[in-house]
């Protein structure tokens, strides 16, 4: 069933987007209410005038519109333009008669200000991410579950690669020693860690990696799962913790030296007390043994039991300040 002109006119008027028709001379022949509101003019002020004098204002027709009008076929055209703080996209359609003469051209204008703002925001985020990706001192790489397919400059530096082709396309286990410190094969453990990251969304752990020349180094690894270009991938962030591990080892060695020194001092003090009071010789060590046995039954940790042993060995330290004639008096 054909649509009558009254129905068309009603739909045309109620359209939310500005719309207008023009002739071969680009003169307005019909426009809807939304167009007049956006242009800020009345129908009487607009009809018969070139549309660029009304809206959107310019020195001539929109480029795409001009190309369609001067062509010889039915065609559509698209133009984007800005008016004040608003952005629009014009979808134009030309209609010609059987002889090829232009009958009229229709333009529907859509406000794309929000879309443009969103695109700029996304572009800014992408730019910031790229800056972070490129300038990060940590190695950042993208992994599809089987192999690396992208990496930042720090990755090449940390893993000792001269170019990306030496790194991308390889499985994480190829930059690891055959076995990890716990004795497990690196390839099996790497697949396990990857599977856990995909399942839980992320995974953080310590790992021993190898540079391209085979030199091992300790690392902290963070895997984060996300969707990229329609597939599930992982972003792996690797931090070389050689300096931290060496510092922690140095602290542990110093702590061990201090503990041995303290233990020696306590043992010396305990012997000194026994010499001052031979009658109770061995009492301090027996108290320490019994106290530690009780601590073990209570489930105390090793460090707490060590402190308990030292306390037991010197719990009678007060004897050091008592005159021997009193301490050994029958």
C-alpha atoms as a PDB file:
ATOM      1  CA  UNK A   1       0.000   0.000   0.000  1.00  0.00           C
ATOM      2  CA  UNK A   2       1.399   3.439  -0.967  1.00  0.00           C
ATOM      3  CA  UNK A   3       2.062   6.037   1.724  1.00  0.00           C
ATOM      4  CA  UNK A   4       0.050   9.183   1.151  1.00  0.00           C
ATOM      5  CA  UNK A   5       1.614  12.627   1.335  1.00  0.00           C
ATOM      6  CA  UNK A   6      -0.164  13.539   4.566  1.00  0.00           C
ATOM      7  CA  UNK A   7       1.276  10.499   6.397  1.00  0.00           C
ATOM      8  CA  UNK A   8       4.735  11.273   5.058  1.00  0.00           C
ATOM      9  CA  UNK A   9       4.463  14.914   6.100  1.00  0.00           C
ATOM     10  CA  UNK A  10       3.382  13.905   9.634  1.00  0.00           C
ATOM     11  CA  UNK A  11       6.310  11.486  10.050  1.00  0.00           C
ATOM     12  CA  UNK A  12       8.704  14.039   8.558  1.00  0.00           C
ATOM     13  CA  UNK A  13       7.548  16.736  10.991  1.00  0.00           C
ATOM     14  CA  UNK A  14       7.823  14.497  14.038  1.00  0.00           C
ATOM     15  CA  UNK A  15      11.369  13.346  13.307  1.00  0.00           C
ATOM     16  CA  UNK A  16      13.724  14.170  16.170  1.00  0.00           C
ATOM     17  CA  UNK A  17      16.648  14.852  13.819  1.00  0.00           C
ATOM     18  CA  UNK A  18      16.704  17.983  11.670  1.00  0.00           C
ATOM     19  CA  UNK A  19      15.863  17.157   8.034  1.00  0.00           C
ATOM     20  CA  UNK A  20      15.391  19.170   4.860  1.00  0.00           C
ATOM     21  CA  UNK A  21      14.944  18.908   1.083  1.00  0.00           C
ATOM     22  CA  UNK A  22      16.684  21.136  -1.471  1.00  0.00           C
ATOM     23  CA  UNK A  23      16.560  21.488  -5.244  1.00  0.00           C
ATOM     24  CA  UNK A  24      19.350  21.449  -7.850  1.00  0.00           C
ATOM     25  CA  UNK A  25      20.267  25.009  -6.857  1.00  0.00           C
ATOM     26  CA  UNK A  26      20.593  23.928  -3.196  1.00  0.00           C
ATOM     27  CA  UNK A  27      17.530  26.024  -2.291  1.00  0.00           C
ATOM     28  CA  UNK A  28      15.410  24.851   0.616  1.00  0.00           C
ATOM     29  CA  UNK A  29      12.064  23.477  -0.529  1.00  0.00           C
ATOM     30  CA  UNK A  30      10.968  21.661   2.628  1.00  0.00           C
ATOM     31  CA  UNK A  31      12.246  21.268   6.208  1.00  0.00           C
ATOM     32  CA  UNK A  32      10.882  19.808   9.442  1.00  0.00           C
ATOM     33  CA  UNK A  33      10.316  21.473  12.801  1.00  0.00           C
ATOM     34  CA  UNK A  34      13.575  20.092  14.258  1.00  0.00           C
ATOM     35  CA  UNK A  35      15.511  21.800  11.453  1.00  0.00           C
ATOM     36  CA  UNK A  36      13.937  25.180  12.114  1.00  0.00           C
ATOM     37  CA  UNK A  37      14.569  24.840  15.860  1.00  0.00           C
ATOM     38  CA  UNK A  38      18.248  24.034  15.294  1.00  0.00           C
ATOM     39  CA  UNK A  39      18.613  26.863  12.746  1.00  0.00           C
ATOM     40  CA  UNK A  40      16.714  29.333  14.898  1.00  0.00           C
ATOM     41  CA  UNK A  41      14.576  30.585  12.008  1.00  0.00           C
ATOM     42  CA  UNK A  42      10.996  30.296  10.799  1.00  0.00           C
ATOM     43  CA  UNK A  43       9.775  28.506   7.702  1.00  0.00           C
ATOM     44  CA  UNK A  44       9.080  31.831   5.956  1.00  0.00           C
ATOM     45  CA  UNK A  45      12.632  33.039   6.590  1.00  0.00           C
ATOM     46  CA  UNK A  46      14.228  29.872   5.261  1.00  0.00           C
ATOM     47  CA  UNK A  47      12.358  28.468   2.254  1.00  0.00           C
ATOM     48  CA  UNK A  48      13.728  29.387  -1.157  1.00  0.00           C
ATOM     49  CA  UNK A  49      17.178  30.315   0.137  1.00  0.00           C
ATOM     50  CA  UNK A  50      20.387  28.236  -0.279  1.00  0.00           C
ATOM     51  CA  UNK A  51      20.553  25.991   2.775  1.00  0.00           C
ATOM     52  CA  UNK A  52      24.108  27.063   3.680  1.00  0.00           C
ATOM     53  CA  UNK A  53      22.704  30.506   4.430  1.00  0.00           C
ATOM     54  CA  UNK A  54      20.368  28.933   6.988  1.00  0.00           C
ATOM     55  CA  UNK A  55      21.878  25.750   8.466  1.00  0.00           C
ATOM     56  CA  UNK A  56      24.551  24.571   8.446  1.00  0.00           C
ATOM     57  CA  UNK A  57      25.967  27.957   7.575  1.00  0.00           C
ATOM     58  CA  UNK A  58      28.941  28.139   5.251  1.00  0.00           C
ATOM     59  CA  UNK A  59      30.267  29.511   1.995  1.00  0.00           C
ATOM     60  CA  UNK A  60      28.639  26.792  -0.088  1.00  0.00           C
ATOM     61  CA  UNK A  61      27.055  23.342   0.004  1.00  0.00           C
ATOM     62  CA  UNK A  62      28.549  20.498   2.005  1.00  0.00           C
ATOM     63  CA  UNK A  63      31.309  18.748  -0.005  1.00  0.00           C
ATOM     64  CA  UNK A  64      29.584  15.389  -0.214  1.00  0.00           C
ATOM     65  CA  UNK A  65      26.288  17.017  -1.104  1.00  0.00           C
ATOM     66  CA  UNK A  66      27.888  19.085  -3.854  1.00  0.00           C
ATOM     67  CA  UNK A  67      29.524  15.986  -5.372  1.00  0.00           C
ATOM     68  CA  UNK A  68      26.202  14.129  -5.384  1.00  0.00           C
ATOM     69  CA  UNK A  69      24.285  16.982  -7.007  1.00  0.00           C
ATOM     70  CA  UNK A  70      26.857  17.496  -9.748  1.00  0.00           C
ATOM     71  CA  UNK A  71      26.955  13.739 -10.461  1.00  0.00           C
ATOM     72  CA  UNK A  72      24.649  11.928 -12.810  1.00  0.00           C
ATOM     73  CA  UNK A  73      23.300   9.062 -10.698  1.00  0.00           C
ATOM     74  CA  UNK A  74      21.159   8.494  -7.643  1.00  0.00           C
ATOM     75  CA  UNK A  75      23.665   8.649  -4.819  1.00  0.00           C
ATOM     76  CA  UNK A  76      24.052   9.075  -1.114  1.00  0.00           C
ATOM     77  CA  UNK A  77      26.556  11.241   0.655  1.00  0.00           C
ATOM     78  CA  UNK A  78      27.866  11.784   4.139  1.00  0.00           C
ATOM     79  CA  UNK A  79      29.354  14.936   5.629  1.00  0.00           C
ATOM     80  CA  UNK A  80      30.427  15.830   9.147  1.00  0.00           C
ATOM     81  CA  UNK A  81      30.431  19.420  10.392  1.00  0.00           C
ATOM     82  CA  UNK A  82      30.537  21.427  13.597  1.00  0.00           C
ATOM     83  CA  UNK A  83      28.285  24.286  14.633  1.00  0.00           C
ATOM     84  CA  UNK A  84      29.348  26.006  17.845  1.00  0.00           C
ATOM     85  CA  UNK A  85      29.920  23.282  20.435  1.00  0.00           C
ATOM     86  CA  UNK A  86      27.841  20.693  18.566  1.00  0.00           C
ATOM     87  CA  UNK A  87      28.938  18.153  15.961  1.00  0.00           C
ATOM     88  CA  UNK A  88      26.622  16.741  13.296  1.00  0.00           C
ATOM     89  CA  UNK A  89      26.691  14.130  10.571  1.00  0.00           C
ATOM     90  CA  UNK A  90      24.626  14.692   7.455  1.00  0.00           C
ATOM     91  CA  UNK A  91      23.249  11.716   5.561  1.00  0.00           C
ATOM     92  CA  UNK A  92      22.200  12.977   2.127  1.00  0.00           C
ATOM     93  CA  UNK A  93      20.235  11.216  -0.623  1.00  0.00           C
ATOM     94  CA  UNK A  94      19.709  12.560  -4.171  1.00  0.00           C
ATOM     95  CA  UNK A  95      16.758  11.612  -6.364  1.00  0.00           C
ATOM     96  CA  UNK A  96      16.844  12.032 -10.178  1.00  0.00           C
ATOM     97  CA  UNK A  97      14.198  11.567 -12.886  1.00  0.00           C
ATOM     98  CA  UNK A  98      14.463   9.214 -15.838  1.00  0.00           C
ATOM     99  CA  UNK A  99      16.454  11.784 -17.804  1.00  0.00           C
ATOM    100  CA  UNK A 100      19.006  12.146 -15.010  1.00  0.00           C
ATOM    101  CA  UNK A 101      17.849  15.552 -13.871  1.00  0.00           C
ATOM    102  CA  UNK A 102      17.930  16.166 -10.120  1.00  0.00           C
ATOM    103  CA  UNK A 103      14.449  16.180  -8.611  1.00  0.00           C
ATOM    104  CA  UNK A 104      15.475  16.943  -5.064  1.00  0.00           C
ATOM    105  CA  UNK A 105      17.960  15.970  -2.383  1.00  0.00           C
ATOM    106  CA  UNK A 106      17.163  14.965   1.213  1.00  0.00           C
ATOM    107  CA  UNK A 107      19.451  15.563   4.200  1.00  0.00           C
ATOM    108  CA  UNK A 108      18.969  14.093   7.680  1.00  0.00           C
ATOM    109  CA  UNK A 109      21.235  15.685  10.299  1.00  0.00           C
ATOM    110  CA  UNK A 110      22.184  13.697  13.406  1.00  0.00           C
ATOM    111  CA  UNK A 111      23.792  15.212  16.490  1.00  0.00           C
ATOM    112  CA  UNK A 112      27.007  13.232  17.109  1.00  0.00           C
ATOM    113  CA  UNK A 113      28.461  15.494  19.800  1.00  0.00           C
ATOM    114  CA  UNK A 114      28.334  12.669  22.373  1.00  0.00           C
ATOM    115  CA  UNK A 115      29.946  10.213  19.993  1.00  0.00           C
ATOM    116  CA  UNK A 116      32.760  12.617  19.132  1.00  0.00           C
ATOM    117  CA  UNK A 117      33.378  13.284  22.845  1.00  0.00           C
ATOM    118  CA  UNK A 118      33.453   9.529  23.537  1.00  0.00           C
ATOM    119  CA  UNK A 119      35.875   8.965  20.660  1.00  0.00           C
ATOM    120  CA  UNK A 120      38.167  11.704  21.965  1.00  0.00           C
ATOM    121  CA  UNK A 121      37.993  10.216  25.461  1.00  0.00           C
ATOM    122  CA  UNK A 122      38.820   6.755  24.136  1.00  0.00           C
ATOM    123  CA  UNK A 123      41.657   8.187  22.045  1.00  0.00           C
ATOM    124  CA  UNK A 124      43.042   9.911  25.151  1.00  0.00           C
ATOM    125  CA  UNK A 125      42.854   6.693  27.159  1.00  0.00           C
ATOM    126  CA  UNK A 126      44.520   4.781  24.322  1.00  0.00           C
ATOM    127  CA  UNK A 127      47.254   7.422  24.151  1.00  0.00           C
ATOM    128  CA  UNK A 128      47.829   7.254  27.904  1.00  0.00           C
ATOM    129  CA  UNK A 129      47.920   3.448  27.814  1.00  0.00           C
ATOM    130  CA  UNK A 130      50.409   3.522  24.937  1.00  0.00           C
ATOM    131  CA  UNK A 131      52.592   5.989  26.849  1.00  0.00           C
ATOM    132  CA  UNK A 132      52.466   3.784  29.942  1.00  0.00           C
ATOM    133  CA  UNK A 133      53.122   0.672  27.848  1.00  0.00           C
ATOM    134  CA  UNK A 134      56.094   2.218  26.053  1.00  0.00           C
ATOM    135  CA  UNK A 135      57.703   4.011  29.013  1.00  0.00           C
ATOM    136  CA  UNK A 136      57.143   1.456  31.804  1.00  0.00           C
ATOM    137  CA  UNK A 137      60.395   0.245  33.410  1.00  0.00           C
ATOM    138  CA  UNK A 138      58.727  -3.139  33.926  1.00  0.00           C
ATOM    139  CA  UNK A 139      58.421  -5.646  31.115  1.00  0.00           C
ATOM    140  CA  UNK A 140      54.845  -5.626  29.775  1.00  0.00           C
ATOM    141  CA  UNK A 141      53.836  -8.229  27.232  1.00  0.00           C
ATOM    142  CA  UNK A 142      50.651  -9.656  25.730  1.00  0.00           C
ATOM    143  CA  UNK A 143      50.112 -13.391  25.748  1.00  0.00           C
ATOM    144  CA  UNK A 144      47.371 -15.347  23.995  1.00  0.00           C
ATOM    145  CA  UNK A 145      47.867 -18.412  26.190  1.00  0.00           C
ATOM    146  CA  UNK A 146      50.351 -20.069  23.854  1.00  0.00           C
ATOM    147  CA  UNK A 147      52.880 -17.400  22.941  1.00  0.00           C
ATOM    148  CA  UNK A 148      53.787 -13.731  23.318  1.00  0.00           C
ATOM    149  CA  UNK A 149      52.453 -11.547  20.510  1.00  0.00           C
ATOM    150  CA  UNK A 150      53.448  -8.053  21.663  1.00  0.00           C
ATOM    151  CA  UNK A 151      55.803  -6.430  24.161  1.00  0.00           C
ATOM    152  CA  UNK A 152      57.149  -3.036  25.246  1.00  0.00           C
ATOM    153  CA  UNK A 153      60.766  -1.806  24.957  1.00  0.00           C
ATOM    154  CA  UNK A 154      61.509  -2.683  28.603  1.00  0.00           C
ATOM    155  CA  UNK A 155      60.744  -6.334  27.809  1.00  0.00           C
ATOM    156  CA  UNK A 156      63.503  -6.456  25.216  1.00  0.00           C
ATOM    157  CA  UNK A 157      65.926  -4.797  27.637  1.00  0.00           C
ATOM    158  CA  UNK A 158      65.105  -7.062  30.598  1.00  0.00           C
ATOM    159  CA  UNK A 159      65.210 -10.270  28.550  1.00  0.00           C
ATOM    160  CA  UNK A 160      68.311  -9.208  26.607  1.00  0.00           C
ATOM    161  CA  UNK A 161      66.690  -9.172  23.159  1.00  0.00           C
ATOM    162  CA  UNK A 162      67.934  -6.864  20.420  1.00  0.00           C
ATOM    163  CA  UNK A 163      64.639  -6.882  18.480  1.00  0.00           C
ATOM    164  CA  UNK A 164      60.980  -7.874  18.914  1.00  0.00           C
ATOM    165  CA  UNK A 165      61.300 -10.898  16.613  1.00  0.00           C
ATOM    166  CA  UNK A 166      63.623 -12.479  19.194  1.00  0.00           C
ATOM    167  CA  UNK A 167      60.839 -12.367  21.794  1.00  0.00           C
ATOM    168  CA  UNK A 168      57.377 -12.497  20.190  1.00  0.00           C
ATOM    169  CA  UNK A 169      56.080 -15.865  19.062  1.00  0.00           C
ATOM    170  CA  UNK A 170      57.670 -17.710  21.995  1.00  0.00           C
ATOM    171  CA  UNK A 171      56.105 -19.531  24.962  1.00  0.00           C
ATOM    172  CA  UNK A 172      56.973 -18.171  28.462  1.00  0.00           C
ATOM    173  CA  UNK A 173      58.828 -21.385  29.311  1.00  0.00           C
ATOM    174  CA  UNK A 174      61.313 -20.586  26.518  1.00  0.00           C
ATOM    175  CA  UNK A 175      62.561 -17.695  28.665  1.00  0.00           C
ATOM    176  CA  UNK A 176      62.847 -19.880  31.774  1.00  0.00           C
ATOM    177  CA  UNK A 177      65.338 -22.500  32.993  1.00  0.00           C
ATOM    178  CA  UNK A 178      64.231 -26.134  32.543  1.00  0.00           C
ATOM    179  CA  UNK A 179      63.171 -26.336  36.200  1.00  0.00           C
ATOM    180  CA  UNK A 180      61.958 -23.860  38.787  1.00  0.00           C
ATOM    181  CA  UNK A 181      63.524 -23.697  42.305  1.00  0.00           C
ATOM    182  CA  UNK A 182      60.843 -26.078  43.639  1.00  0.00           C
ATOM    183  CA  UNK A 183      62.020 -28.760  41.197  1.00  0.00           C
ATOM    184  CA  UNK A 184      58.952 -28.546  38.921  1.00  0.00           C
ATOM    185  CA  UNK A 185      59.415 -28.303  35.109  1.00  0.00           C
ATOM    186  CA  UNK A 186      59.062 -24.707  33.918  1.00  0.00           C
ATOM    187  CA  UNK A 187      56.835 -25.531  30.918  1.00  0.00           C
ATOM    188  CA  UNK A 188      54.249 -27.389  33.014  1.00  0.00           C
ATOM    189  CA  UNK A 189      54.241 -24.755  35.755  1.00  0.00           C
ATOM    190  CA  UNK A 190      53.936 -21.930  33.212  1.00  0.00           C
ATOM    191  CA  UNK A 191      50.840 -23.521  31.654  1.00  0.00           C
ATOM    192  CA  UNK A 192      49.385 -24.010  35.134  1.00  0.00           C
ATOM    193  CA  UNK A 193      49.910 -20.350  36.075  1.00  0.00           C
ATOM    194  CA  UNK A 194      48.392 -19.227  32.746  1.00  0.00           C
ATOM    195  CA  UNK A 195      45.321 -21.439  33.248  1.00  0.00           C
ATOM    196  CA  UNK A 196      44.849 -20.052  36.786  1.00  0.00           C
ATOM    197  CA  UNK A 197      44.993 -16.468  35.467  1.00  0.00           C
ATOM    198  CA  UNK A 198      42.348 -17.170  32.809  1.00  0.00           C
ATOM    199  CA  UNK A 199      40.141 -18.880  35.401  1.00  0.00           C
ATOM    200  CA  UNK A 200      40.504 -16.312  38.223  1.00  0.00           C
ATOM    201  CA  UNK A 201      41.058 -13.153  36.180  1.00  0.00           C
ATOM    202  CA  UNK A 202      44.576 -12.603  37.500  1.00  0.00           C
ATOM    203  CA  UNK A 203      47.545 -14.369  39.072  1.00  0.00           C
ATOM    204  CA  UNK A 204      50.642 -13.029  40.824  1.00  0.00           C
ATOM    205  CA  UNK A 205      53.675 -15.118  41.693  1.00  0.00           C
ATOM    206  CA  UNK A 206      57.470 -15.222  41.748  1.00  0.00           C
ATOM    207  CA  UNK A 207      59.296 -16.936  38.913  1.00  0.00           C
ATOM    208  CA  UNK A 208      62.813 -17.569  37.683  1.00  0.00           C
ATOM    209  CA  UNK A 209      63.205 -16.297  34.114  1.00  0.00           C
ATOM    210  CA  UNK A 210      66.154 -16.457  31.736  1.00  0.00           C
ATOM    211  CA  UNK A 211      67.553 -13.815  29.466  1.00  0.00           C
ATOM    212  CA  UNK A 212      68.125 -14.646  25.808  1.00  0.00           C
ATOM    213  CA  UNK A 213      71.732 -15.672  26.606  1.00  0.00           C
ATOM    214  CA  UNK A 214      70.509 -18.116  29.289  1.00  0.00           C
ATOM    215  CA  UNK A 215      71.333 -15.978  32.351  1.00  0.00           C
ATOM    216  CA  UNK A 216      68.680 -16.661  35.031  1.00  0.00           C
ATOM    217  CA  UNK A 217      67.105 -13.911  37.113  1.00  0.00           C
ATOM    218  CA  UNK A 218      64.329 -13.852  39.744  1.00  0.00           C
ATOM    219  CA  UNK A 219      61.140 -12.018  38.784  1.00  0.00           C
ATOM    220  CA  UNK A 220      57.743 -11.051  40.110  1.00  0.00           C
ATOM    221  CA  UNK A 221      55.023 -11.817  37.543  1.00  0.00           C
ATOM    222  CA  UNK A 222      51.486 -10.415  37.366  1.00  0.00           C
ATOM    223  CA  UNK A 223      49.061 -11.948  34.859  1.00  0.00           C
ATOM    224  CA  UNK A 224      45.774 -10.147  34.129  1.00  0.00           C
ATOM    225  CA  UNK A 225      43.140 -11.640  31.821  1.00  0.00           C
ATOM    226  CA  UNK A 226      41.029  -9.456  29.524  1.00  0.00           C
ATOM    227  CA  UNK A 227      39.339  -9.554  26.116  1.00  0.00           C
ATOM    228  CA  UNK A 228      41.152  -8.022  23.159  1.00  0.00           C
ATOM    229  CA  UNK A 229      39.873  -7.996  19.587  1.00  0.00           C
ATOM    230  CA  UNK A 230      37.358 -10.731  20.342  1.00  0.00           C
ATOM    231  CA  UNK A 231      39.685 -13.177  22.086  1.00  0.00           C
ATOM    232  CA  UNK A 232      40.786 -13.807  25.665  1.00  0.00           C
ATOM    233  CA  UNK A 233      44.381 -12.777  26.291  1.00  0.00           C
ATOM    234  CA  UNK A 234      46.717 -12.069  29.187  1.00  0.00           C
ATOM    235  CA  UNK A 235      48.775  -9.015  29.991  1.00  0.00           C
ATOM    236  CA  UNK A 236      51.942 -10.159  31.735  1.00  0.00           C
ATOM    237  CA  UNK A 237      53.937  -7.660  33.780  1.00  0.00           C
ATOM    238  CA  UNK A 238      57.395  -8.914  34.759  1.00  0.00           C
ATOM    239  CA  UNK A 239      59.590  -7.113  37.273  1.00  0.00           C
ATOM    240  CA  UNK A 240      63.243  -8.077  37.728  1.00  0.00           C
ATOM    241  CA  UNK A 241      63.642  -8.472  41.510  1.00  0.00           C
ATOM    242  CA  UNK A 242      67.353  -9.422  41.516  1.00  0.00           C
ATOM    243  CA  UNK A 243      68.253  -6.377  43.647  1.00  0.00           C
ATOM    244  CA  UNK A 244      65.437  -7.084  46.114  1.00  0.00           C
ATOM    245  CA  UNK A 245      66.295 -10.776  46.398  1.00  0.00           C
ATOM    246  CA  UNK A 246      69.974  -9.983  46.961  1.00  0.00           C
ATOM    247  CA  UNK A 247      69.056  -7.404  49.605  1.00  0.00           C
ATOM    248  CA  UNK A 248      66.707  -9.851  51.336  1.00  0.00           C
ATOM    249  CA  UNK A 249      69.454 -12.501  51.307  1.00  0.00           C
ATOM    250  CA  UNK A 250      71.890 -10.006  52.777  1.00  0.00           C
ATOM    251  CA  UNK A 251      69.393  -9.121  55.518  1.00  0.00           C
ATOM    252  CA  UNK A 252      68.795 -12.826  56.210  1.00  0.00           C
ATOM    253  CA  UNK A 253      72.555 -13.435  56.466  1.00  0.00           C
ATOM    254  CA  UNK A 254      72.944 -10.486  58.839  1.00  0.00           C
ATOM    255  CA  UNK A 255      70.001 -11.683  60.919  1.00  0.00           C
ATOM    256  CA  UNK A 256      71.531 -15.170  61.070  1.00  0.00           C
ATOM    257  CA  UNK A 257      74.840 -13.708  62.249  1.00  0.00           C
ATOM    258  CA  UNK A 258      73.052 -11.677  64.915  1.00  0.00           C
ATOM    259  CA  UNK A 259      71.073 -14.715  66.059  1.00  0.00           C
ATOM    260  CA  UNK A 260      74.250 -16.809  66.324  1.00  0.00           C
ATOM    261  CA  UNK A 261      75.962 -14.009  68.216  1.00  0.00           C
ATOM    262  CA  UNK A 262      72.997 -13.669  70.561  1.00  0.00           C
ATOM    263  CA  UNK A 263      72.853 -17.434  71.087  1.00  0.00           C
ATOM    264  CA  UNK A 264      76.559 -17.451  71.903  1.00  0.00           C
ATOM    265  CA  UNK A 265      76.124 -14.586  74.368  1.00  0.00           C
ATOM    266  CA  UNK A 266      73.216 -16.342  76.069  1.00  0.00           C
ATOM    267  CA  UNK A 267      75.154 -19.624  76.260  1.00  0.00           C
ATOM    268  CA  UNK A 268      78.126 -17.791  77.805  1.00  0.00           C
ATOM    269  CA  UNK A 269      75.906 -16.106  80.378  1.00  0.00           C
ATOM    270  CA  UNK A 270      74.308 -19.456  81.222  1.00  0.00           C
ATOM    271  CA  UNK A 271      77.724 -21.058  81.766  1.00  0.00           C
ATOM    272  CA  UNK A 272      78.770 -18.106  83.915  1.00  0.00           C
ATOM    273  CA  UNK A 273      75.733 -18.610  86.128  1.00  0.00           C
ATOM    274  CA  UNK A 274      76.547 -22.311  86.495  1.00  0.00           C
ATOM    275  CA  UNK A 275      80.084 -21.439  87.575  1.00  0.00           C
ATOM    276  CA  UNK A 276      78.732 -19.061  90.199  1.00  0.00           C
ATOM    277  CA  UNK A 277      76.301 -21.667  91.515  1.00  0.00           C
ATOM    278  CA  UNK A 278      77.638 -25.193  90.789  1.00  0.00           C
ATOM    279  CA  UNK A 279      74.932 -26.699  93.004  1.00  0.00           C
ATOM    280  CA  UNK A 280      72.230 -25.910  90.399  1.00  0.00           C
ATOM    281  CA  UNK A 281      74.381 -26.660  87.342  1.00  0.00           C
ATOM    282  CA  UNK A 282      72.256 -27.793  84.408  1.00  0.00           C
ATOM    283  CA  UNK A 283      69.064 -26.280  85.826  1.00  0.00           C
ATOM    284  CA  UNK A 284      68.871 -23.504  83.192  1.00  0.00           C
ATOM    285  CA  UNK A 285      69.277 -25.904  80.256  1.00  0.00           C
ATOM    286  CA  UNK A 286      66.682 -28.311  81.674  1.00  0.00           C
ATOM    287  CA  UNK A 287      64.166 -25.440  82.124  1.00  0.00           C
ATOM    288  CA  UNK A 288      64.835 -24.383  78.536  1.00  0.00           C
ATOM    289  CA  UNK A 289      64.270 -27.934  77.233  1.00  0.00           C
ATOM    290  CA  UNK A 290      61.001 -28.371  79.122  1.00  0.00           C
ATOM    291  CA  UNK A 291      59.714 -24.906  78.094  1.00  0.00           C
ATOM    292  CA  UNK A 292      60.500 -25.590  74.426  1.00  0.00           C
ATOM    293  CA  UNK A 293      58.746 -28.971  74.601  1.00  0.00           C
ATOM    294  CA  UNK A 294      55.646 -27.241  75.963  1.00  0.00           C
ATOM    295  CA  UNK A 295      55.883 -24.562  73.251  1.00  0.00           C
ATOM    296  CA  UNK A 296      56.033 -27.246  70.532  1.00  0.00           C
ATOM    297  CA  UNK A 297      52.962 -28.948  71.955  1.00  0.00           C
ATOM    298  CA  UNK A 298      51.183 -25.570  71.869  1.00  0.00           C
ATOM    299  CA  UNK A 299      52.056 -25.204  68.173  1.00  0.00           C
ATOM    300  CA  UNK A 300      54.390 -22.216  68.544  1.00  0.00           C
ATOM    301  CA  UNK A 301      56.498 -21.328  65.502  1.00  0.00           C
ATOM    302  CA  UNK A 302      60.250 -21.859  65.313  1.00  0.00           C
ATOM    303  CA  UNK A 303      61.187 -18.210  66.003  1.00  0.00           C
ATOM    304  CA  UNK A 304      59.024 -18.062  69.125  1.00  0.00           C
ATOM    305  CA  UNK A 305      60.471 -21.332  70.463  1.00  0.00           C
ATOM    306  CA  UNK A 306      64.008 -20.022  69.850  1.00  0.00           C
ATOM    307  CA  UNK A 307      63.199 -16.982  71.991  1.00  0.00           C
ATOM    308  CA  UNK A 308      61.720 -19.287  74.622  1.00  0.00           C
ATOM    309  CA  UNK A 309      64.938 -21.371  74.693  1.00  0.00           C
ATOM    310  CA  UNK A 310      67.075 -18.265  75.223  1.00  0.00           C
ATOM    311  CA  UNK A 311      64.781 -17.039  77.977  1.00  0.00           C
ATOM    312  CA  UNK A 312      64.987 -20.422  79.692  1.00  0.00           C
ATOM    313  CA  UNK A 313      68.784 -20.424  79.595  1.00  0.00           C
ATOM    314  CA  UNK A 314      69.047 -17.066  81.366  1.00  0.00           C
ATOM    315  CA  UNK A 315      65.901 -17.055  83.496  1.00  0.00           C
ATOM    316  CA  UNK A 316      68.117 -17.055  86.655  1.00  0.00           C
ATOM    317  CA  UNK A 317      70.242 -14.147  85.419  1.00  0.00           C
ATOM    318  CA  UNK A 318      69.639 -12.435  88.746  1.00  0.00           C
ATOM    319  CA  UNK A 319      72.228 -14.754  90.257  1.00  0.00           C
ATOM    320  CA  UNK A 320      74.920 -12.706  88.515  1.00  0.00           C
ATOM    321  CA  UNK A 321      74.331  -9.867  90.981  1.00  0.00           C
ATOM    322  CA  UNK A 322      74.261 -11.946  94.178  1.00  0.00           C
ATOM    323  CA  UNK A 323      77.532 -12.286  96.139  1.00  0.00           C
ATOM    324  CA  UNK A 324      78.948 -15.801  95.864  1.00  0.00           C
ATOM    325  CA  UNK A 325      79.239 -16.191  99.657  1.00  0.00           C
ATOM    326  CA  UNK A 326      75.469 -15.850  99.882  1.00  0.00           C
ATOM    327  CA  UNK A 327      74.727 -17.827  96.696  1.00  0.00           C
ATOM    328  CA  UNK A 328      76.838 -20.841  97.808  1.00  0.00           C
ATOM    329  CA  UNK A 329      76.170 -20.670 101.546  1.00  0.00           C
ATOM    330  CA  UNK A 330      75.378 -24.166 102.941  1.00  0.00           C
END
